[in-house]
Each structure stands twice: as C-alpha cells, then as structure tokens.
Protein backbone atom coordinates (compact mmCIF):
# COMPACT_ATOMS: atom_id res chain seq x y z
CA MET A 1 -80.55 -19.78 8.52
CA SER A 2 -84.45 -19.16 7.88
CA SER A 3 -83.51 -16.87 5.55
CA LEU A 4 -80.84 -18.51 3.19
CA LEU A 5 -83.39 -21.46 3.54
CA GLY A 6 -86.22 -19.27 1.64
CA LEU A 7 -84.18 -18.09 -0.75
CA LEU A 8 -82.44 -21.49 -1.49
CA SER A 9 -84.07 -22.58 -5.11
CA GLU A 10 -86.41 -24.77 -5.66
CA ALA A 11 -84.33 -27.46 -6.54
CA ASN A 12 -82.88 -27.31 -2.99
CA ARG A 13 -86.00 -25.91 -0.63
CA PRO A 14 -87.00 -28.12 1.83
CA SER A 15 -90.79 -29.67 1.65
CA TRP A 16 -91.89 -28.85 4.81
CA LEU A 17 -90.45 -24.90 4.84
CA VAL A 18 -93.95 -23.10 4.12
CA GLY A 19 -92.56 -19.71 5.85
CA THR A 20 -89.26 -17.90 6.61
CA VAL A 21 -89.29 -15.47 9.63
CA PRO A 22 -85.19 -13.45 9.89
CA MET A 23 -85.18 -12.03 13.34
CA GLY A 24 -81.25 -9.79 14.14
CA GLY A 25 -80.21 -11.62 10.44
CA TYR A 26 -80.80 -11.56 6.61
CA GLN A 27 -78.61 -12.61 3.40
CA TYR A 28 -76.69 -9.17 2.21
CA ASP A 29 -76.15 -11.32 -1.41
CA ALA A 30 -78.57 -9.45 -3.97
CA ASN A 31 -78.01 -12.30 -6.41
CA LEU A 32 -80.06 -14.96 -3.82
CA TYR A 33 -82.72 -12.35 -4.54
CA GLU A 34 -82.71 -11.42 -8.50
CA GLY A 35 -80.50 -13.75 -9.58
CA PRO A 36 -80.89 -16.98 -12.49
CA SER A 37 -82.16 -19.13 -9.78
CA LYS A 38 -84.42 -16.53 -7.78
CA PRO A 39 -86.91 -18.92 -5.64
CA ARG A 40 -90.07 -18.98 -5.96
CA PRO A 41 -92.77 -17.27 -3.54
CA MET A 42 -93.02 -18.23 -0.04
CA PRO A 43 -94.38 -16.27 2.93
CA MET A 44 -91.74 -13.88 4.77
CA MET A 45 -91.69 -11.41 7.95
CA SER A 46 -88.84 -10.31 9.03
CA HIS A 47 -87.82 -8.57 11.83
CA HIS A 48 -84.65 -6.57 12.50
CA GLY A 49 -83.52 -4.39 14.85
CA GLY A 50 -82.53 -0.29 14.30
CA ARG A 51 -80.21 -0.41 16.94
CA ASP A 52 -78.21 -3.52 15.84
CA SER A 53 -75.02 -2.68 16.44
CA ILE A 54 -74.05 -6.58 14.77
CA VAL A 55 -76.25 -6.51 11.95
CA ILE A 56 -77.07 -3.02 10.52
CA PRO A 57 -80.22 -2.13 9.35
CA ASP A 58 -77.81 0.04 6.89
CA GLY A 59 -76.13 -3.36 5.57
CA CYS A 60 -72.99 -5.23 6.08
CA CYS A 61 -69.89 -4.58 3.06
CA ALA A 62 -66.54 -4.77 2.68
CA SER A 63 -64.47 -1.18 2.22
CA ALA A 64 -63.16 0.97 -0.24
CA ASP A 65 -59.45 -1.07 0.33
CA ASN A 66 -61.28 -4.43 0.70
CA SER A 67 -59.47 -4.85 4.15
CA GLU A 68 -62.17 -5.44 6.61
CA SER A 69 -66.40 -5.05 6.93
CA ASN A 70 -68.34 -2.10 8.06
CA CYS A 71 -70.21 -4.76 10.91
CA VAL A 72 -68.12 -6.85 13.17
CA LEU A 73 -66.24 -9.81 12.32
CA ASP A 74 -66.35 -8.95 9.01
CA ILE A 75 -69.32 -9.31 8.78
CA GLY A 76 -70.41 -9.01 4.99
CA ILE A 77 -66.36 -8.71 3.96
CA LYS A 78 -67.02 -10.37 0.36
CA GLN A 79 -69.87 -7.91 -0.27
CA GLN A 80 -68.60 -4.68 -2.56
CA THR A 81 -72.20 -2.78 -2.32
CA CYS A 82 -73.84 -2.99 1.65
CA THR A 83 -77.59 -4.23 1.46
CA SER A 84 -79.64 -2.89 3.85
CA VAL A 85 -82.47 -5.19 5.40
CA HIS A 86 -84.98 -2.75 3.96
CA ARG A 87 -83.68 -3.04 0.81
CA ALA A 88 -83.91 -6.50 1.28
CA PHE A 89 -87.87 -6.57 2.48
CA GLU A 90 -88.11 -5.04 -1.37
CA MET A 91 -86.90 -8.07 -2.96
CA TRP A 92 -88.55 -10.08 -0.92
CA SER A 93 -91.44 -8.25 -2.14
CA HIS A 94 -90.33 -8.69 -5.94
CA ILE A 95 -89.92 -12.54 -5.33
CA ASN A 96 -93.85 -12.82 -3.63
CA GLY A 97 -94.85 -10.94 -6.73
CA CYS A 98 -96.14 -8.00 -4.47
CA SER A 99 -97.40 -4.58 -6.82
CA SER A 100 -95.61 -2.46 -3.97
CA SER A 101 -94.53 -1.85 -0.60
CA VAL A 102 -96.75 0.11 2.11
CA LEU A 103 -96.29 1.23 5.77
CA ASP A 104 -98.75 -1.49 8.05
CA ASP A 105 -100.34 0.79 10.53
CA GLY A 106 -100.63 -2.30 12.59
CA THR A 107 -104.34 -3.02 11.10
CA VAL A 108 -103.90 -6.33 9.91
CA LYS A 109 -105.75 -8.76 11.97
CA GLY A 110 -104.77 -10.39 14.86
CA ARG A 111 -101.51 -8.02 15.76
CA ARG A 112 -101.30 -5.54 18.38
CA VAL A 113 -98.52 -2.89 17.50
CA ALA A 114 -97.53 -1.07 20.51
CA LYS A 115 -98.07 2.50 20.98
CA VAL A 116 -95.87 5.52 22.86
CA ASP A 117 -95.94 8.93 22.95
CA GLN A 118 -96.44 11.43 19.84
CA ASP A 119 -93.74 13.02 20.50
CA LYS A 120 -91.32 10.22 19.96
CA GLU A 121 -89.89 7.72 17.97
CA PRO A 122 -92.41 4.87 17.53
CA ILE A 123 -91.91 1.30 19.38
CA LEU A 124 -91.63 0.71 15.75
CA THR A 125 -91.27 0.72 11.63
CA CYS A 126 -94.01 -1.97 10.04
CA TRP A 127 -93.94 -2.19 5.74
CA LYS A 128 -96.66 -4.93 4.16
CA GLY A 129 -96.39 -5.75 0.30
CA LYS A 130 -99.28 -5.12 -1.19
CA GLU A 131 -101.30 -7.91 -3.72
CA CYS A 132 -98.32 -10.29 -3.46
CA ILE A 133 -98.36 -14.03 -3.71
CA GLU A 134 -97.29 -14.43 -0.40
CA PRO A 135 -97.64 -12.08 2.82
CA THR A 136 -94.88 -10.35 2.73
CA ASN A 137 -94.16 -8.22 5.90
CA PHE A 138 -91.52 -6.63 7.56
CA CYS A 139 -91.04 -5.04 10.99
CA LEU A 140 -88.01 -2.33 11.99
CA TRP A 141 -87.92 -2.30 16.23
CA ASN A 142 -85.95 1.21 16.14
CA ASN A 143 -84.66 0.96 20.27
CA GLU A 144 -83.64 -2.94 19.58
CA GLY A 145 -80.14 -4.13 19.21
CA HIS A 146 -79.21 -7.34 18.06
CA SER A 147 -80.35 -9.40 21.10
CA TRP A 148 -83.64 -8.88 21.90
CA GLY A 149 -83.19 -8.29 25.35
CA PHE A 150 -84.78 -10.41 27.65
CA GLN A 151 -87.57 -11.01 25.30
CA PHE A 152 -88.81 -11.05 21.24
CA PRO A 153 -91.01 -8.09 21.70
CA GLY A 154 -93.20 -9.31 18.60
CA THR A 155 -93.49 -12.08 19.98
CA GLU A 156 -98.31 -12.18 19.41
CA MET A 157 -97.66 -10.59 16.13
CA THR A 158 -95.02 -12.91 14.83
CA GLN A 159 -97.33 -16.22 16.25
CA THR A 160 -100.90 -15.00 14.41
CA TRP A 161 -98.59 -14.62 11.57
CA MET A 162 -97.09 -17.85 11.61
CA GLU A 163 -100.44 -19.29 12.33
CA GLN A 164 -102.47 -18.19 9.37
CA ILE A 165 -98.58 -19.60 7.51
CA PHE A 166 -99.60 -22.40 8.61
CA HIS A 167 -103.65 -22.94 8.10
CA ARG A 168 -102.97 -21.33 4.62
CA ALA A 169 -100.19 -24.33 4.53
CA GLU A 170 -102.67 -27.18 5.87
CA ALA A 171 -105.43 -26.21 3.35
CA ARG A 172 -103.10 -26.04 0.66
CA SER A 173 -101.45 -29.62 1.38
CA ARG A 174 -105.56 -31.28 2.08
CA ASN A 175 -106.14 -29.67 -1.44
CA ILE A 176 -102.84 -31.33 -3.63
CA VAL A 177 -104.51 -34.28 -1.41
CA LYS A 178 -107.84 -34.33 -2.79
CA ASP A 179 -106.32 -33.74 -6.10
CA LYS A 180 -104.36 -36.26 -6.33
CA ILE A 181 -106.89 -38.60 -5.00
CA LEU A 182 -109.22 -37.38 -7.63
CA ASP A 183 -106.81 -38.06 -10.47
CA VAL A 184 -106.22 -41.17 -9.35
CA ILE A 185 -109.79 -41.66 -9.98
CA ASP A 186 -109.98 -40.17 -13.27
CA ASP A 187 -106.66 -41.98 -14.31
CA GLU A 188 -108.65 -45.24 -13.51
CA PHE A 189 -111.85 -44.24 -14.75
CA SER A 190 -109.74 -43.21 -18.01
CA MET A 191 -108.33 -46.79 -18.22
CA THR A 192 -111.61 -48.11 -17.60
CA HIS A 193 -113.00 -46.34 -20.12
CA ARG A 194 -110.17 -47.59 -22.81
CA SER A 195 -110.54 -50.93 -21.77
CA ILE A 196 -114.36 -50.73 -22.08
CA LYS A 197 -113.36 -49.10 -25.13
CA GLY A 198 -111.25 -51.70 -26.69
CA LYS A 199 -113.00 -54.50 -25.85
CA CYS A 200 -116.32 -52.62 -27.96
CA VAL A 201 -114.32 -52.31 -31.07
CA PHE A 202 -113.12 -55.69 -31.05
CA ILE A 203 -116.12 -57.17 -30.38
CA SER A 204 -117.41 -55.15 -32.93
CA SER A 205 -114.82 -55.78 -35.76
CA PHE A 206 -115.54 -59.86 -34.94
CA LEU A 207 -119.30 -59.65 -35.75
CA VAL A 208 -118.27 -57.30 -39.14
CA LEU A 209 -116.43 -60.27 -39.85
CA MET A 210 -118.48 -62.89 -38.91
CA ALA A 211 -121.04 -61.56 -40.79
CA ILE A 212 -118.87 -60.89 -44.22
CA PHE A 213 -118.05 -64.74 -42.97
CA LEU A 214 -121.58 -66.28 -42.89
CA CYS A 215 -122.83 -63.85 -46.32
CA THR A 216 -119.61 -65.44 -47.99
CA MET A 217 -120.15 -68.63 -47.40
CA HIS A 218 -124.07 -68.22 -47.71
CA SER A 219 -122.97 -67.05 -51.35
CA ALA A 220 -120.67 -69.74 -52.08
CA THR A 221 -123.31 -72.52 -50.82
CA LYS A 222 -125.75 -70.99 -52.95
CA LYS A 223 -123.84 -71.36 -56.17
CA VAL A 224 -122.88 -75.18 -55.51
CA MET A 225 -126.53 -76.29 -55.00
CA CYS A 226 -127.28 -74.49 -58.13
CA PHE A 227 -124.20 -76.36 -59.66
CA ILE A 228 -125.66 -79.46 -57.92
CA ILE A 229 -129.36 -78.68 -59.10
CA GLY A 230 -128.57 -77.44 -62.43
CA ASN A 231 -126.22 -81.11 -63.25
CA GLY A 232 -129.13 -82.92 -61.98
CA ARG A 233 -131.80 -81.59 -64.16
CA ARG A 234 -129.24 -81.65 -67.23
CA ARG A 235 -128.34 -85.74 -66.86
CA LYS A 236 -132.14 -86.50 -66.41
CA SER A 237 -133.17 -84.59 -69.36
CA SER A 238 -130.38 -87.13 -71.47
CA LYS A 239 -131.77 -89.86 -69.67
CA ASP A 240 -135.46 -89.50 -70.96
CA ILE A 241 -134.70 -88.17 -74.22
CA SER A 242 -132.48 -91.72 -74.86
C-alpha cells in the first residue's frame, strides 16, 4: 500500500505523506512510474526478500497465453511484462532525479550492515541513488522470504533512515510556515505602502488644484480691482472737467 501511495499524482497524494518504505511488495505497472501522471519526487526506501516466493524479485506478470501469473494468487496477471523489484527501484531513482544508482556499502551515516563470511552470500545487497532530489534506497535481503520470519532484520537501518526523513520534513514545514508569515507581513507592508502612496498622491493633487485655484482667484481679483479703480478714476476726471 505504501508503494501505491507514493506513486499517486501530486493532486491525489496525501499531504501528510513525507516518505514511503515498501517492504515485500511494490507496484508492477511501469506506467505508474513513467506515465503522463508521473509523481513528484519523494523519499523512498524499499526492502525485499531475495527468496520471496509470493512476490518474486524478478517481478510478477502474465504467462505467454495470459492464462495465469508467474506469481501465486494471480499477482500481476494484468501485466504483460515483468517489472523486477530492482527495475522498480531504478524507476524511483528517475522520479527522484538521481543521476545514477550505485551499490551502497553500508557507509551511510547511522546504518549498521550485518557482515558474514566472505565465502557465503551476503545477508543483504543495497543500492542507493546518487545526486538525488530525495533519498532513494533499496535493499535486497538475499536469504529472506516474504514474511520476514520472526522480525524484520533491517529495523535499525530503516528507523535511522525514517528519522532523517521526518527531521527533513519538519524542517521544511517550519520553513514553509516562516515563508508564509513573511509573505503575509510583506503583503501587509505593500498594502500599507500603497495606501500611504495613494494618500500622498491625493494630497499632492489636492494641493496643486488649490494652488491653481488660488492663483486664478488672485488673478481674477486683481483684474476686478483694477477695473473698479480705473472706473473710479474716469468718473473723478469727468467731474473735474465739469
């Protein structure tokens, strides 16, 4: 189920999902990884048993005559081509923008990989994506089946990986909240600035109009006064002549 949730489109993927850890199962349909609704990057760490007889590592798909699946319970019967668990990891690497994938020798911080005699098959083989947008890891537990026995052997390394992912998600969430707060402050400042600017423009326009009005009134008053004084002088001159 976690593998399917991780491959949902951005519109359908739950907002609380910050990473996916498929264990003993994965999605066989290549279109989910590479189709037009290709999901956005997400941290992914996959685990699979090398001797899994339910979901075989080479992939589940239909037989040549489509009569049955190569896996039990007709798992993957709708798929014409088998998608191996390693191929699924490579497609996840592509989703997460990795430049390539390489063997993980267990030197990643916080991991502890069990060692066995060199003459025997290693307990697990891990791969990791390089230069990825999001962490991308896959471990094949060579001697494990589908049920993982009494306890999943990679508990410690998976816990460390998940803690790192949750810390990253928490930090990103804080940054998002901080950015939103800053955006609100910036919007308020911009609105206040625009309001002040609008008031200043209004006041400036009002003062200009008042200045024009006063100048016009002064000019008109001056002309009226000159006209009145001129008429008074002409009347006085006429009386003196009489």
